[in-house]
Amino acid sequence: MEQHKLPNATAVLVLGIFSIVGCCCYGVGLIPGIVGLVLAKKDLKEYNQNPELYSNYSNLNIGRILSIIGICICAVYIIAIVVILALYGFDGFEQKMLEMQEMQRNQ
């Protein structure tokens, strides 16, 4: 029996990578992470029906895991921004962001 590739496995992997990379851009990585999980769920359902037909399950699984990690990191980042805004306001937020950038430059 000839093995085929899952249709969205590569897309899920790329979206998972983008979700992690996009975390630091004010939570932009949340969007590709969610889209990656939706596509992964669709392909996972297809894979579970006939696992012997598909050869690239590992790409799908890695992409799904990266999407979950990206969503978690984005959620923590967004919660941190909301907490900083609640505690310090917009002026304090700008000041904290400048302090964080300065700490990164000094490392």
N, C-alpha and C. Protein backbone atom coordinates (compact mmCIF):
# COMPACT_ATOMS: atom_id res chain seq x y z
N MET A 1 0.84 -1.17 0.00
CA MET A 1 0.00 0.00 0.00
C MET A 1 0.89 1.25 0.00
N GLU A 2 0.58 2.17 -0.86
CA GLU A 2 1.38 3.39 -1.00
C GLU A 2 1.03 4.39 0.11
N GLN A 3 2.08 4.95 0.71
CA GLN A 3 1.85 5.93 1.77
C GLN A 3 1.79 7.33 1.18
N HIS A 4 0.88 8.13 1.71
CA HIS A 4 0.71 9.51 1.28
C HIS A 4 1.13 10.44 2.42
N LYS A 5 1.27 11.70 2.09
CA LYS A 5 1.58 12.70 3.12
C LYS A 5 0.28 13.35 3.59
N LEU A 6 0.24 13.67 4.87
CA LEU A 6 -0.92 14.39 5.38
C LEU A 6 -0.97 15.77 4.74
N PRO A 7 -2.15 16.22 4.33
CA PRO A 7 -2.22 17.45 3.52
C PRO A 7 -1.75 18.72 4.24
N ASN A 8 -1.95 18.81 5.53
CA ASN A 8 -1.63 20.05 6.23
C ASN A 8 -0.47 19.93 7.20
N ALA A 9 0.27 18.85 7.18
CA ALA A 9 1.33 18.63 8.17
C ALA A 9 2.42 19.69 8.08
N THR A 10 2.84 20.03 6.87
CA THR A 10 3.89 21.05 6.71
C THR A 10 3.37 22.42 7.12
N ALA A 11 2.13 22.72 6.77
CA ALA A 11 1.54 24.01 7.15
C ALA A 11 1.43 24.13 8.67
N VAL A 12 1.06 23.05 9.33
CA VAL A 12 0.96 23.06 10.80
C VAL A 12 2.33 23.29 11.42
N LEU A 13 3.35 22.66 10.86
CA LEU A 13 4.71 22.85 11.36
C LEU A 13 5.16 24.30 11.21
N VAL A 14 4.92 24.88 10.04
CA VAL A 14 5.31 26.28 9.80
C VAL A 14 4.52 27.23 10.71
N LEU A 15 3.23 26.99 10.86
CA LEU A 15 2.42 27.84 11.74
C LEU A 15 2.86 27.71 13.20
N GLY A 16 3.26 26.52 13.61
CA GLY A 16 3.77 26.33 14.97
C GLY A 16 5.04 27.12 15.20
N ILE A 17 5.92 27.13 14.21
CA ILE A 17 7.16 27.92 14.32
C ILE A 17 6.84 29.41 14.37
N PHE A 18 5.92 29.86 13.50
CA PHE A 18 5.54 31.27 13.49
C PHE A 18 4.87 31.68 14.79
N SER A 19 4.13 30.77 15.41
CA SER A 19 3.47 31.12 16.67
C SER A 19 4.49 31.38 17.77
N ILE A 20 5.58 30.62 17.77
CA ILE A 20 6.61 30.85 18.79
C ILE A 20 7.40 32.13 18.48
N VAL A 21 7.72 32.34 17.21
CA VAL A 21 8.47 33.53 16.82
C VAL A 21 7.64 34.79 17.05
N GLY A 22 6.32 34.70 16.79
CA GLY A 22 5.45 35.86 16.92
C GLY A 22 5.03 36.19 18.33
N CYS A 23 5.44 35.41 19.31
CA CYS A 23 5.03 35.67 20.69
C CYS A 23 5.51 37.03 21.18
N CYS A 24 6.68 37.41 20.78
CA CYS A 24 7.27 38.64 21.29
C CYS A 24 6.74 39.89 20.59
N CYS A 25 5.87 39.72 19.65
CA CYS A 25 5.30 40.85 18.92
C CYS A 25 3.90 41.15 19.46
N TYR A 26 3.82 41.39 20.76
CA TYR A 26 2.56 41.72 21.43
C TYR A 26 1.48 40.67 21.20
N GLY A 27 1.85 39.42 21.20
CA GLY A 27 0.89 38.33 21.12
C GLY A 27 0.41 37.98 19.73
N VAL A 28 1.10 38.43 18.69
CA VAL A 28 0.69 38.14 17.32
C VAL A 28 0.78 36.64 17.04
N GLY A 29 1.62 35.94 17.74
CA GLY A 29 1.78 34.51 17.54
C GLY A 29 0.57 33.68 17.94
N LEU A 30 -0.38 34.32 18.59
CA LEU A 30 -1.60 33.62 19.00
C LEU A 30 -2.40 33.18 17.78
N ILE A 31 -2.43 34.00 16.75
CA ILE A 31 -3.23 33.70 15.55
C ILE A 31 -2.69 32.47 14.81
N PRO A 32 -1.39 32.44 14.43
CA PRO A 32 -0.93 31.22 13.76
C PRO A 32 -0.97 29.98 14.65
N GLY A 33 -0.86 30.16 15.94
CA GLY A 33 -0.95 29.02 16.85
C GLY A 33 -2.34 28.39 16.84
N ILE A 34 -3.36 29.23 16.86
CA ILE A 34 -4.73 28.72 16.84
C ILE A 34 -5.04 28.08 15.49
N VAL A 35 -4.63 28.74 14.40
CA VAL A 35 -4.86 28.17 13.07
C VAL A 35 -4.13 26.84 12.93
N GLY A 36 -2.91 26.76 13.45
CA GLY A 36 -2.15 25.52 13.40
C GLY A 36 -2.84 24.39 14.16
N LEU A 37 -3.42 24.71 15.32
CA LEU A 37 -4.13 23.68 16.08
C LEU A 37 -5.38 23.20 15.36
N VAL A 38 -6.10 24.11 14.71
CA VAL A 38 -7.30 23.72 13.97
C VAL A 38 -6.94 22.79 12.81
N LEU A 39 -5.89 23.16 12.06
CA LEU A 39 -5.46 22.31 10.95
C LEU A 39 -4.93 20.97 11.45
N ALA A 40 -4.23 20.99 12.58
CA ALA A 40 -3.70 19.75 13.15
C ALA A 40 -4.82 18.82 13.58
N LYS A 41 -5.88 19.38 14.14
CA LYS A 41 -7.01 18.56 14.58
C LYS A 41 -7.66 17.87 13.38
N LYS A 42 -7.77 18.61 12.29
CA LYS A 42 -8.36 18.04 11.07
C LYS A 42 -7.51 16.88 10.54
N ASP A 43 -6.21 17.10 10.43
CA ASP A 43 -5.32 16.05 9.93
C ASP A 43 -5.18 14.89 10.91
N LEU A 44 -5.23 15.17 12.19
CA LEU A 44 -5.12 14.11 13.20
C LEU A 44 -6.32 13.17 13.10
N LYS A 45 -7.47 13.76 12.86
CA LYS A 45 -8.67 12.94 12.69
C LYS A 45 -8.53 12.04 11.46
N GLU A 46 -8.00 12.59 10.38
CA GLU A 46 -7.78 11.82 9.16
C GLU A 46 -6.73 10.72 9.38
N TYR A 47 -5.68 11.05 10.11
CA TYR A 47 -4.61 10.08 10.38
C TYR A 47 -5.13 8.94 11.25
N ASN A 48 -5.95 9.25 12.24
CA ASN A 48 -6.44 8.21 13.15
C ASN A 48 -7.37 7.22 12.45
N GLN A 49 -7.99 7.62 11.36
CA GLN A 49 -8.86 6.69 10.62
C GLN A 49 -8.04 5.62 9.90
N ASN A 50 -6.91 6.02 9.30
CA ASN A 50 -6.04 5.08 8.58
C ASN A 50 -4.58 5.45 8.80
N PRO A 51 -3.99 5.08 9.92
CA PRO A 51 -2.61 5.49 10.20
C PRO A 51 -1.57 4.90 9.25
N GLU A 52 -1.86 3.75 8.66
CA GLU A 52 -0.87 3.13 7.78
C GLU A 52 -0.79 3.82 6.42
N LEU A 53 -1.72 4.71 6.11
CA LEU A 53 -1.71 5.40 4.82
C LEU A 53 -0.80 6.62 4.78
N TYR A 54 -0.38 7.13 5.95
CA TYR A 54 0.33 8.41 5.98
C TYR A 54 1.73 8.24 6.56
N SER A 55 2.64 9.04 6.01
CA SER A 55 4.04 8.89 6.39
C SER A 55 4.61 10.05 7.20
N ASN A 56 3.97 11.21 7.21
CA ASN A 56 4.57 12.38 7.86
C ASN A 56 3.81 12.80 9.12
N TYR A 57 3.43 11.85 9.92
CA TYR A 57 2.76 12.15 11.18
C TYR A 57 3.66 12.94 12.13
N SER A 58 4.96 12.68 12.10
CA SER A 58 5.87 13.36 13.02
C SER A 58 5.87 14.88 12.79
N ASN A 59 5.80 15.32 11.53
CA ASN A 59 5.72 16.76 11.26
C ASN A 59 4.44 17.35 11.85
N LEU A 60 3.35 16.62 11.71
CA LEU A 60 2.08 17.09 12.26
C LEU A 60 2.15 17.20 13.77
N ASN A 61 2.70 16.19 14.42
CA ASN A 61 2.79 16.18 15.88
C ASN A 61 3.70 17.28 16.40
N ILE A 62 4.85 17.47 15.76
CA ILE A 62 5.78 18.53 16.17
C ILE A 62 5.13 19.90 15.98
N GLY A 63 4.47 20.11 14.86
CA GLY A 63 3.78 21.37 14.61
C GLY A 63 2.68 21.64 15.62
N ARG A 64 1.96 20.60 16.00
CA ARG A 64 0.90 20.75 17.00
C ARG A 64 1.49 21.13 18.35
N ILE A 65 2.58 20.49 18.72
CA ILE A 65 3.24 20.80 19.99
C ILE A 65 3.77 22.24 19.98
N LEU A 66 4.39 22.65 18.87
CA LEU A 66 4.90 24.03 18.77
C LEU A 66 3.76 25.04 18.83
N SER A 67 2.62 24.72 18.24
CA SER A 67 1.47 25.62 18.30
C SER A 67 0.97 25.77 19.73
N ILE A 68 0.92 24.66 20.46
CA ILE A 68 0.48 24.72 21.86
C ILE A 68 1.46 25.55 22.68
N ILE A 69 2.75 25.34 22.49
CA ILE A 69 3.75 26.11 23.22
C ILE A 69 3.64 27.58 22.86
N GLY A 70 3.48 27.90 21.58
CA GLY A 70 3.34 29.29 21.15
C GLY A 70 2.12 29.96 21.75
N ILE A 71 1.00 29.24 21.80
CA ILE A 71 -0.21 29.80 22.40
C ILE A 71 0.00 30.06 23.89
N CYS A 72 0.65 29.14 24.58
CA CYS A 72 0.91 29.32 26.02
C CYS A 72 1.81 30.52 26.27
N ILE A 73 2.87 30.64 25.50
CA ILE A 73 3.79 31.77 25.68
C ILE A 73 3.08 33.09 25.37
N CYS A 74 2.27 33.11 24.31
CA CYS A 74 1.52 34.32 23.98
C CYS A 74 0.54 34.69 25.07
N ALA A 75 -0.12 33.68 25.63
CA ALA A 75 -1.07 33.94 26.71
C ALA A 75 -0.37 34.55 27.93
N VAL A 76 0.79 34.01 28.28
CA VAL A 76 1.55 34.56 29.41
C VAL A 76 1.99 35.99 29.10
N TYR A 77 2.43 36.22 27.87
CA TYR A 77 2.88 37.55 27.48
C TYR A 77 1.73 38.56 27.53
N ILE A 78 0.56 38.17 27.04
CA ILE A 78 -0.60 39.06 27.05
C ILE A 78 -1.05 39.33 28.49
N ILE A 79 -1.04 38.30 29.33
CA ILE A 79 -1.40 38.50 30.74
C ILE A 79 -0.40 39.45 31.42
N ALA A 80 0.88 39.30 31.11
CA ALA A 80 1.88 40.19 31.70
C ALA A 80 1.65 41.63 31.26
N ILE A 81 1.31 41.85 29.99
CA ILE A 81 1.03 43.20 29.52
C ILE A 81 -0.18 43.78 30.23
N VAL A 82 -1.23 42.98 30.39
CA VAL A 82 -2.43 43.47 31.07
C VAL A 82 -2.13 43.81 32.52
N VAL A 83 -1.34 42.97 33.20
CA VAL A 83 -0.99 43.24 34.60
C VAL A 83 -0.15 44.51 34.70
N ILE A 84 0.81 44.68 33.82
CA ILE A 84 1.65 45.89 33.85
C ILE A 84 0.80 47.13 33.58
N LEU A 85 -0.12 47.03 32.62
CA LEU A 85 -1.00 48.17 32.34
C LEU A 85 -1.90 48.47 33.54
N ALA A 86 -2.41 47.43 34.20
CA ALA A 86 -3.28 47.63 35.35
C ALA A 86 -2.52 48.25 36.52
N LEU A 87 -1.27 47.84 36.71
CA LEU A 87 -0.51 48.34 37.86
C LEU A 87 0.11 49.71 37.62
N TYR A 88 0.62 49.95 36.41
CA TYR A 88 1.40 51.16 36.15
C TYR A 88 0.77 52.12 35.17
N GLY A 89 -0.25 51.71 34.43
CA GLY A 89 -0.84 52.57 33.41
C GLY A 89 0.03 52.60 32.16
N PHE A 90 -0.38 53.42 31.19
CA PHE A 90 0.35 53.46 29.92
C PHE A 90 1.75 54.06 30.07
N ASP A 91 1.90 55.08 30.91
CA ASP A 91 3.22 55.67 31.11
C ASP A 91 4.17 54.68 31.77
N GLY A 92 3.68 53.98 32.76
CA GLY A 92 4.51 52.97 33.42
C GLY A 92 4.82 51.80 32.49
N PHE A 93 3.88 51.48 31.60
CA PHE A 93 4.10 50.41 30.62
C PHE A 93 5.26 50.77 29.70
N GLU A 94 5.25 51.99 29.20
CA GLU A 94 6.35 52.43 28.33
C GLU A 94 7.67 52.39 29.09
N GLN A 95 7.67 52.82 30.34
CA GLN A 95 8.88 52.82 31.15
C GLN A 95 9.38 51.40 31.38
N LYS A 96 8.48 50.46 31.69
CA LYS A 96 8.87 49.07 31.92
C LYS A 96 9.42 48.45 30.63
N MET A 97 8.83 48.75 29.50
CA MET A 97 9.33 48.22 28.23
C MET A 97 10.73 48.77 27.93
N LEU A 98 10.96 50.04 28.22
CA LEU A 98 12.29 50.61 28.02
C LEU A 98 13.31 49.95 28.95
N GLU A 99 12.90 49.69 30.20
CA GLU A 99 13.79 49.02 31.14
C GLU A 99 14.13 47.61 30.67
N MET A 100 13.14 46.90 30.15
CA MET A 100 13.38 45.54 29.66
C MET A 100 14.31 45.55 28.46
N GLN A 101 14.14 46.52 27.57
CA GLN A 101 15.02 46.62 26.41
C GLN A 101 16.45 46.95 26.85
N GLU A 102 16.58 47.79 27.84
CA GLU A 102 17.90 48.14 28.34
C GLU A 102 18.58 46.93 28.99
N MET A 103 17.80 46.12 29.72
CA MET A 103 18.36 44.91 30.32
C MET A 103 18.82 43.92 29.25
N GLN A 104 18.07 43.82 28.16
CA GLN A 104 18.47 42.91 27.07
C GLN A 104 19.73 43.39 26.38
N ARG A 105 19.89 44.68 26.23
CA ARG A 105 21.11 45.21 25.60
C ARG A 105 22.34 44.96 26.46
N ASN A 106 22.16 45.01 27.78
CA ASN A 106 23.30 44.85 28.69
C ASN A 106 23.73 43.39 28.82
N GLN A 107 22.92 42.45 28.39
CA GLN A 107 23.28 41.03 28.54
C GLN A 107 24.22 40.59 27.51
